[in-house]
Amino acid sequence: MSRQRLTVLGVSALLSIALACSKSNAPLTPTTPTGGTVAAGTLGETLKVTAPSTVSPTGGIKLTSATIVFTASPVTFTNPVAGAPVPQYRFQVLNAANAVVREVLLNTTTWTISDVFTVGLVGNTAYTWQVRAESGGQLGPWSTKASFITVDPFVINDPLTNGRTVGNQIGGHFVPGQGWQSDSVTDGIDYDLTTPCTDCRLEFDATGFGPQEGFPYEKDLKWVSMGDAGGFGNFSAFRDQPWKMHLVQRADFSSGMEIVWRNGGTDPNGGDPGDHRIKLTSTPVVFVSTRVYHFQLDWGPSGYVIAVNGDEVMRDGWGRPFAPANHRIELGCIPRGDSFVGIIYRNVILKKH
């Protein structure tokens, strides 16, 4: 071999050694494996699975119910192994400060909060949520966060002083700045709920009525009625429906009141289900047409309480909740023709306990 060829080979060998030494001293660059997951051991993620997807609720949607059903997509293992355990799913709800306000670990990709107000969430407020898979102390990557807005704290919020109603107006007219006034015994406002309100408080203010308003009509007039919307078609349908409720001013006693409240049946003896009726010849309420009266009706799984201007006037218990399938609340009592004439309603509020 010639001297010139030996020299070239020697130079090549020296260059190869130099390059090798240079690479061994260079910093290592971490890589992210394919499959949508971050390398194990980073960001606390040790479970080699894909990130779940947030299916609903998403996109900042405003909820129409106090119930939230969080739904996520299941994860898959990036390196499938026979007999790998089925992972659990950790859901988190976070507030605007990114602090966790609710959290749960489940065996399914669905989490239901039946009533946001009983778990500390605030009405008409924006939240985000996220979910990840976990198994045997190993953690998968979090999903991207999804946003939603909780339902209004009031199921009904109807001032009536603004010349309109969120309900269905049947007759009557608005008095500027004062509210909605009934003009006949068949006038009213209907509020139809999307889901039954089984543990709630109804409040409203009323004025423009005195004692024994129904005496000229030979009727006991009703301030408010409730029941299944299908039972409001006529006198007989309302009278016989198993969810009938009406709050009554008696025409035969100046401060007399009456309540009929059925929790799913027509047993006149007040069984469950049946009539839960109270008839009073006198109450602490003195009816004067120029006064404003604040009515408050509370009901729940164990019974109801009714107060006027802060004074309790009626209370009864039951063993089955009031839960008409198509829950209607009506100012007045149209199917019986028992609405007050001249009464003015305002500040109607329905909220969950």
Protein backbone atom coordinates (compact mmCIF):
# COMPACT_ATOMS: atom_id res chain seq x y z
CA MET A 1 0.00 0.00 0.00
CA SER A 2 1.36 3.45 -0.82
CA ARG A 3 2.42 5.99 1.80
CA GLN A 4 -0.26 8.44 0.49
CA ARG A 5 -3.13 5.96 1.07
CA LEU A 6 -1.94 5.20 4.60
CA THR A 7 -1.94 8.90 5.39
CA VAL A 8 -5.57 9.31 4.22
CA LEU A 9 -6.76 6.38 6.33
CA GLY A 10 -5.00 7.77 9.39
CA VAL A 11 -6.67 11.15 9.03
CA SER A 12 -10.13 9.53 8.61
CA ALA A 13 -9.66 7.48 11.75
CA LEU A 14 -8.72 10.55 13.78
CA LEU A 15 -11.79 12.45 12.54
CA SER A 16 -14.10 9.57 13.52
CA ILE A 17 -12.70 9.50 17.05
CA ALA A 18 -13.07 13.28 17.42
CA LEU A 19 -16.68 13.24 16.28
CA ALA A 20 -17.52 10.40 18.66
CA CYS A 21 -16.04 12.29 21.61
CA SER A 22 -17.94 15.43 20.62
CA LYS A 23 -21.31 13.59 20.56
CA SER A 24 -20.76 11.89 23.90
CA ASN A 25 -20.39 15.27 25.64
CA ALA A 26 -23.51 16.89 24.04
CA PRO A 27 -26.69 17.30 26.23
CA LEU A 28 -29.42 14.71 25.67
CA THR A 29 -32.72 15.92 24.19
CA PRO A 30 -35.82 14.11 25.61
CA THR A 31 -38.29 12.81 23.07
CA THR A 32 -42.05 12.39 23.23
CA PRO A 33 -43.32 9.02 22.05
CA THR A 34 -46.12 8.79 19.54
CA GLY A 35 -49.65 7.90 20.59
CA GLY A 36 -50.74 11.17 22.23
CA THR A 37 -49.12 10.64 25.64
CA VAL A 38 -46.14 12.23 27.36
CA ALA A 39 -43.13 10.04 28.20
CA ALA A 40 -43.56 8.02 31.39
CA GLY A 41 -42.07 9.68 34.44
CA THR A 42 -42.71 13.29 33.29
CA LEU A 43 -45.37 15.55 34.79
CA GLY A 44 -46.19 12.77 37.26
CA GLU A 45 -47.53 10.55 34.49
CA THR A 46 -46.54 6.91 34.84
CA LEU A 47 -49.47 5.12 33.22
CA LYS A 48 -48.84 4.66 29.50
CA VAL A 49 -52.27 5.49 28.17
CA THR A 50 -53.78 8.12 25.91
CA ALA A 51 -55.42 11.15 27.44
CA PRO A 52 -59.21 10.85 27.68
CA SER A 53 -61.40 13.36 25.86
CA THR A 54 -63.99 15.57 27.54
CA VAL A 55 -67.25 14.81 25.73
CA SER A 56 -69.79 16.89 27.66
CA PRO A 57 -70.38 19.49 28.94
CA THR A 58 -67.99 21.54 26.82
CA GLY A 59 -67.62 24.86 25.05
CA GLY A 60 -68.78 27.05 27.93
CA ILE A 61 -72.36 25.82 27.59
CA LYS A 62 -74.80 27.18 30.17
CA LEU A 63 -76.58 24.35 31.89
CA THR A 64 -80.38 24.28 32.15
CA SER A 65 -80.54 21.91 35.11
CA ALA A 66 -78.94 21.65 38.53
CA THR A 67 -77.86 18.14 37.52
CA ILE A 68 -74.55 17.77 35.67
CA VAL A 69 -73.53 14.60 33.84
CA PHE A 70 -69.80 14.66 33.02
CA THR A 71 -68.94 12.29 30.17
CA ALA A 72 -65.44 11.38 28.97
CA SER A 73 -64.07 9.00 26.37
CA PRO A 74 -62.22 5.88 27.56
CA VAL A 75 -58.42 5.69 27.29
CA THR A 76 -56.33 3.11 25.47
CA PHE A 77 -52.91 1.75 26.43
CA THR A 78 -50.09 2.99 24.20
CA ASN A 79 -48.21 -0.28 24.75
CA PRO A 80 -50.98 -2.85 25.18
CA VAL A 81 -50.16 -5.75 27.48
CA ALA A 82 -52.31 -8.84 27.84
CA GLY A 83 -54.24 -8.80 31.11
CA ALA A 84 -53.67 -5.11 31.78
CA PRO A 85 -56.07 -3.82 34.48
CA VAL A 86 -59.04 -1.67 33.56
CA PRO A 87 -58.19 1.87 34.71
CA GLN A 88 -60.28 4.13 36.92
CA TYR A 89 -61.08 7.74 36.04
CA ARG A 90 -60.43 10.78 38.21
CA PHE A 91 -62.72 13.74 37.50
CA GLN A 92 -62.03 17.24 38.78
CA VAL A 93 -64.07 20.45 38.71
CA LEU A 94 -62.01 23.63 38.97
CA ASN A 95 -62.98 27.23 39.66
CA ALA A 96 -61.73 30.39 37.95
CA ALA A 97 -58.58 30.33 40.12
CA ASN A 98 -57.84 26.79 38.83
CA ALA A 99 -58.46 25.36 42.30
CA VAL A 100 -60.15 21.97 42.59
CA VAL A 101 -63.63 22.35 44.11
CA ARG A 102 -64.96 18.82 43.49
CA GLU A 103 -63.14 15.57 42.77
CA VAL A 104 -64.03 11.91 42.46
CA LEU A 105 -62.40 8.61 41.37
CA LEU A 106 -64.78 6.25 39.55
CA ASN A 107 -64.77 3.00 37.62
CA THR A 108 -66.69 4.59 34.75
CA THR A 109 -66.25 7.44 32.28
CA THR A 110 -69.43 9.16 33.52
CA TRP A 111 -69.85 11.22 36.68
CA THR A 112 -73.21 12.65 37.76
CA ILE A 113 -73.67 15.50 40.24
CA SER A 114 -77.38 15.40 40.98
CA ASP A 115 -77.62 18.95 42.37
CA VAL A 116 -74.80 21.48 42.02
CA PHE A 117 -76.12 23.59 44.88
CA THR A 118 -75.79 20.79 47.43
CA VAL A 119 -72.10 20.24 46.66
CA GLY A 120 -70.93 23.84 46.95
CA LEU A 121 -70.98 25.00 43.34
CA VAL A 122 -72.33 28.50 42.74
CA GLY A 123 -75.17 29.26 40.35
CA ASN A 124 -74.55 31.11 37.07
CA THR A 125 -70.79 30.64 37.43
CA ALA A 126 -68.13 29.41 34.98
CA TYR A 127 -66.15 26.27 35.84
CA THR A 128 -63.78 23.93 34.02
CA TRP A 129 -63.37 20.19 34.38
CA GLN A 130 -60.81 17.57 33.46
CA VAL A 131 -60.34 13.81 33.73
CA ARG A 132 -57.49 11.29 33.67
CA ALA A 133 -57.01 7.54 34.00
CA GLU A 134 -55.38 5.93 37.04
CA SER A 135 -54.42 2.37 37.87
CA GLY A 136 -52.56 0.92 40.85
CA GLY A 137 -51.10 4.26 41.82
CA GLN A 138 -50.00 5.04 38.27
CA LEU A 139 -51.30 8.18 36.63
CA GLY A 140 -52.23 8.87 33.03
CA PRO A 141 -52.19 12.29 31.34
CA TRP A 142 -54.99 14.76 32.00
CA SER A 143 -57.51 15.54 29.32
CA THR A 144 -57.72 19.06 28.00
CA LYS A 145 -59.97 21.20 30.20
CA ALA A 146 -63.58 21.79 29.16
CA SER A 147 -65.76 24.65 30.39
CA PHE A 148 -69.39 25.13 31.40
CA ILE A 149 -71.60 27.57 33.30
CA THR A 150 -73.87 26.39 36.08
CA VAL A 151 -77.61 26.89 35.96
CA ASP A 152 -79.12 30.05 37.42
CA PRO A 153 -79.61 29.74 41.17
CA PHE A 154 -83.29 30.46 40.62
CA VAL A 155 -85.40 28.01 38.66
CA ILE A 156 -87.86 30.90 38.17
CA ASN A 157 -86.94 34.56 38.59
CA ASP A 158 -89.84 36.69 37.34
CA PRO A 159 -90.07 40.25 38.74
CA LEU A 160 -93.24 41.06 36.69
CA THR A 161 -92.55 44.74 37.39
CA ASN A 162 -90.76 45.08 34.05
CA GLY A 163 -93.92 44.63 31.97
CA ARG A 164 -93.26 41.04 30.93
CA THR A 165 -93.15 37.50 32.28
CA VAL A 166 -90.92 34.48 31.77
CA GLY A 167 -94.04 32.32 32.13
CA ASN A 168 -97.11 31.89 29.95
CA GLN A 169 -99.54 34.74 30.53
CA ILE A 170 -103.26 33.96 30.25
CA GLY A 171 -105.25 37.20 30.44
CA GLY A 172 -104.65 40.02 32.88
CA HIS A 173 -102.41 42.99 32.26
CA PHE A 174 -99.24 44.61 33.57
CA VAL A 175 -99.35 47.63 35.85
CA PRO A 176 -96.18 49.70 35.24
CA GLY A 177 -93.71 49.27 38.09
CA GLN A 178 -96.15 47.20 40.16
CA GLY A 179 -96.52 43.79 38.51
CA TRP A 180 -99.08 41.64 36.72
CA GLN A 181 -102.77 42.07 37.60
CA SER A 182 -105.47 39.44 37.17
CA ASP A 183 -108.67 40.79 35.61
CA SER A 184 -110.94 37.75 35.90
CA VAL A 185 -111.36 34.42 37.68
CA THR A 186 -109.85 32.68 34.65
CA ASP A 187 -106.62 34.72 34.43
CA GLY A 188 -103.23 33.42 35.44
CA ILE A 189 -99.57 32.86 34.62
CA ASP A 190 -98.19 29.35 34.05
CA TYR A 191 -94.63 28.28 34.77
CA ASP A 192 -93.85 24.87 33.29
CA LEU A 193 -90.67 23.27 34.66
CA THR A 194 -88.35 21.04 32.65
CA THR A 195 -87.91 18.71 35.63
CA PRO A 196 -90.00 18.27 38.79
CA CYS A 197 -88.99 20.52 41.68
CA THR A 198 -89.18 18.13 44.64
CA ASP A 199 -87.24 20.11 47.24
CA CYS A 200 -87.89 23.79 46.63
CA ARG A 201 -89.09 27.18 47.82
CA LEU A 202 -91.63 29.32 45.96
CA GLU A 203 -91.93 32.98 46.89
CA PHE A 204 -94.05 35.80 45.55
CA ASP A 205 -95.51 39.15 46.62
CA ALA A 206 -99.19 39.96 46.18
CA THR A 207 -101.37 42.98 46.84
CA GLY A 208 -104.77 44.37 45.85
CA PHE A 209 -106.98 41.89 47.71
CA GLY A 210 -108.88 42.07 50.98
CA PRO A 211 -110.72 39.51 53.13
CA GLN A 212 -113.26 37.05 51.68
CA GLU A 213 -112.61 38.13 48.08
CA GLY A 214 -114.49 35.10 46.78
CA PHE A 215 -117.72 35.79 48.63
CA PRO A 216 -119.41 37.63 45.71
CA TYR A 217 -118.54 34.73 43.40
CA GLU A 218 -119.48 32.03 45.95
CA LYS A 219 -115.96 30.69 45.51
CA ASP A 220 -112.87 30.09 47.61
CA LEU A 221 -110.27 31.86 45.48
CA LYS A 222 -106.74 30.53 44.98
CA TRP A 223 -103.47 32.47 45.18
CA VAL A 224 -101.42 29.73 43.54
CA SER A 225 -101.89 26.23 42.14
CA MET A 226 -99.54 23.39 41.23
CA GLY A 227 -99.71 19.96 39.67
CA ASP A 228 -99.10 18.02 36.50
CA ALA A 229 -99.59 20.26 33.45
CA GLY A 230 -101.82 17.64 31.85
CA GLY A 231 -104.32 18.06 34.66
CA PHE A 232 -104.92 21.77 34.04
CA GLY A 233 -107.22 21.24 31.04
CA ASN A 234 -110.55 21.75 32.82
CA PHE A 235 -112.34 21.74 36.16
CA SER A 236 -112.69 17.96 36.43
CA ALA A 237 -109.17 17.20 35.24
CA PHE A 238 -107.68 19.53 37.82
CA ARG A 239 -110.02 18.42 40.61
CA ASP A 240 -109.21 14.75 40.11
CA GLN A 241 -105.50 14.86 39.32
CA PRO A 242 -103.22 13.07 41.82
CA TRP A 243 -100.75 15.97 42.06
CA LYS A 244 -103.22 18.79 42.77
CA MET A 245 -102.11 21.63 44.99
CA HIS A 246 -103.82 24.97 45.63
CA LEU A 247 -103.50 27.63 48.31
CA VAL A 248 -106.91 29.07 49.17
CA GLN A 249 -108.44 32.15 50.74
CA ARG A 250 -111.67 31.04 52.36
CA ALA A 251 -114.76 33.09 51.51
CA ASP A 252 -116.56 32.25 54.73
CA PHE A 253 -114.01 33.55 57.30
CA SER A 254 -112.20 36.89 57.17
CA SER A 255 -108.73 35.46 57.84
CA GLY A 256 -109.46 31.85 56.90
CA MET A 257 -107.08 29.87 54.66
CA GLU A 258 -106.93 26.37 53.24
CA ILE A 259 -104.42 24.16 51.50
CA VAL A 260 -104.98 21.02 49.47
CA TRP A 261 -101.73 19.31 48.52
CA ARG A 262 -101.65 15.85 46.97
CA ASN A 263 -98.44 13.86 46.64
CA GLY A 264 -99.46 11.49 43.89
CA GLY A 265 -102.86 10.16 44.97
CA THR A 266 -106.41 11.15 45.88
CA ASP A 267 -106.85 9.43 49.25
CA PRO A 268 -108.98 11.98 51.17
CA ASN A 269 -107.60 10.73 54.49
CA GLY A 270 -104.15 12.06 53.75
CA GLY A 271 -102.37 8.79 53.05
CA ASP A 272 -99.17 8.53 51.07
CA PRO A 273 -100.05 9.22 48.34
CA GLY A 274 -103.13 11.29 49.11
CA ASP A 275 -104.60 14.61 50.21
CA HIS A 276 -102.61 16.60 52.74
CA ARG A 277 -105.28 19.16 53.55
CA ILE A 278 -105.49 21.88 56.17
CA LYS A 279 -108.55 24.13 56.69
CA LEU A 280 -108.24 27.11 59.02
CA THR A 281 -111.08 29.40 60.07
CA SER A 282 -108.56 31.99 61.27
CA THR A 283 -104.87 32.75 60.79
CA PRO A 284 -102.43 35.47 61.92
CA VAL A 285 -102.90 37.13 58.53
CA VAL A 286 -105.12 40.21 58.38
CA PHE A 287 -106.08 40.87 54.76
CA VAL A 288 -106.07 44.53 53.72
CA SER A 289 -106.17 45.46 50.04
CA THR A 290 -103.48 48.16 50.33
CA ARG A 291 -100.89 45.87 51.95
CA VAL A 292 -98.27 43.76 50.23
CA TYR A 293 -98.12 40.13 51.34
CA HIS A 294 -95.05 37.96 50.92
CA PHE A 295 -95.95 34.30 50.42
CA GLN A 296 -93.38 31.58 50.98
CA LEU A 297 -94.06 27.92 50.23
CA ASP A 298 -91.39 25.36 51.15
CA TRP A 299 -91.67 21.69 50.29
CA GLY A 300 -89.37 18.72 50.31
CA PRO A 301 -89.22 14.93 50.75
CA SER A 302 -90.88 15.04 54.16
CA GLY A 303 -93.63 17.68 53.79
CA TYR A 304 -94.40 21.37 53.36
CA VAL A 305 -94.49 24.66 55.27
CA ILE A 306 -96.36 27.83 54.24
CA ALA A 307 -95.68 31.28 55.63
CA VAL A 308 -97.14 34.73 54.95
CA ASN A 309 -95.10 37.83 55.83
CA GLY A 310 -92.75 35.60 57.81
CA ASP A 311 -95.49 34.02 59.93
CA GLU A 312 -95.96 30.28 59.55
CA VAL A 313 -99.61 29.49 58.89
CA MET A 314 -99.62 25.85 57.73
CA ARG A 315 -97.42 22.78 57.95
CA ASP A 316 -97.91 19.11 57.15
CA GLY A 317 -95.79 16.03 56.58
CA TRP A 318 -95.80 13.23 54.05
CA GLY A 319 -93.82 10.12 53.23
CA ARG A 320 -93.62 10.52 49.46
CA PRO A 321 -92.22 13.60 47.69
CA PHE A 322 -94.34 15.91 45.56
CA ALA A 323 -93.05 15.12 42.05
CA PRO A 324 -95.47 15.65 39.14
CA ALA A 325 -93.87 14.53 35.89
CA ASN A 326 -94.78 17.75 34.04
CA HIS A 327 -94.56 20.18 36.93
CA ARG A 328 -96.65 23.33 36.48
CA ILE A 329 -96.91 26.27 38.85
CA GLU A 330 -99.78 28.65 38.19
CA LEU A 331 -100.58 32.04 39.67
CA GLY A 332 -104.32 31.77 40.28
CA CYS A 333 -106.37 28.70 39.37
CA ILE A 334 -107.60 28.87 35.79
CA PRO A 335 -109.18 25.39 35.39
CA ARG A 336 -111.48 25.96 38.36
CA GLY A 337 -112.17 29.62 37.52
CA ASP A 338 -110.93 30.51 41.00
CA SER A 339 -108.33 33.21 40.36
CA PHE A 340 -108.43 36.46 42.33
CA VAL A 341 -109.80 39.49 40.47
CA GLY A 342 -107.72 42.66 40.87
CA ILE A 343 -104.81 40.99 42.65
CA ILE A 344 -101.31 42.14 41.62
CA TYR A 345 -98.40 39.67 41.70
CA ARG A 346 -94.69 40.44 41.54
CA ASN A 347 -91.26 39.05 42.50
CA VAL A 348 -91.98 35.40 41.70
CA ILE A 349 -89.01 33.24 42.65
CA LEU A 350 -88.58 29.46 42.66
CA LYS A 351 -85.33 28.03 43.93
CA LYS A 352 -84.02 24.70 45.09
CA HIS A 353 -83.19 24.19 48.74
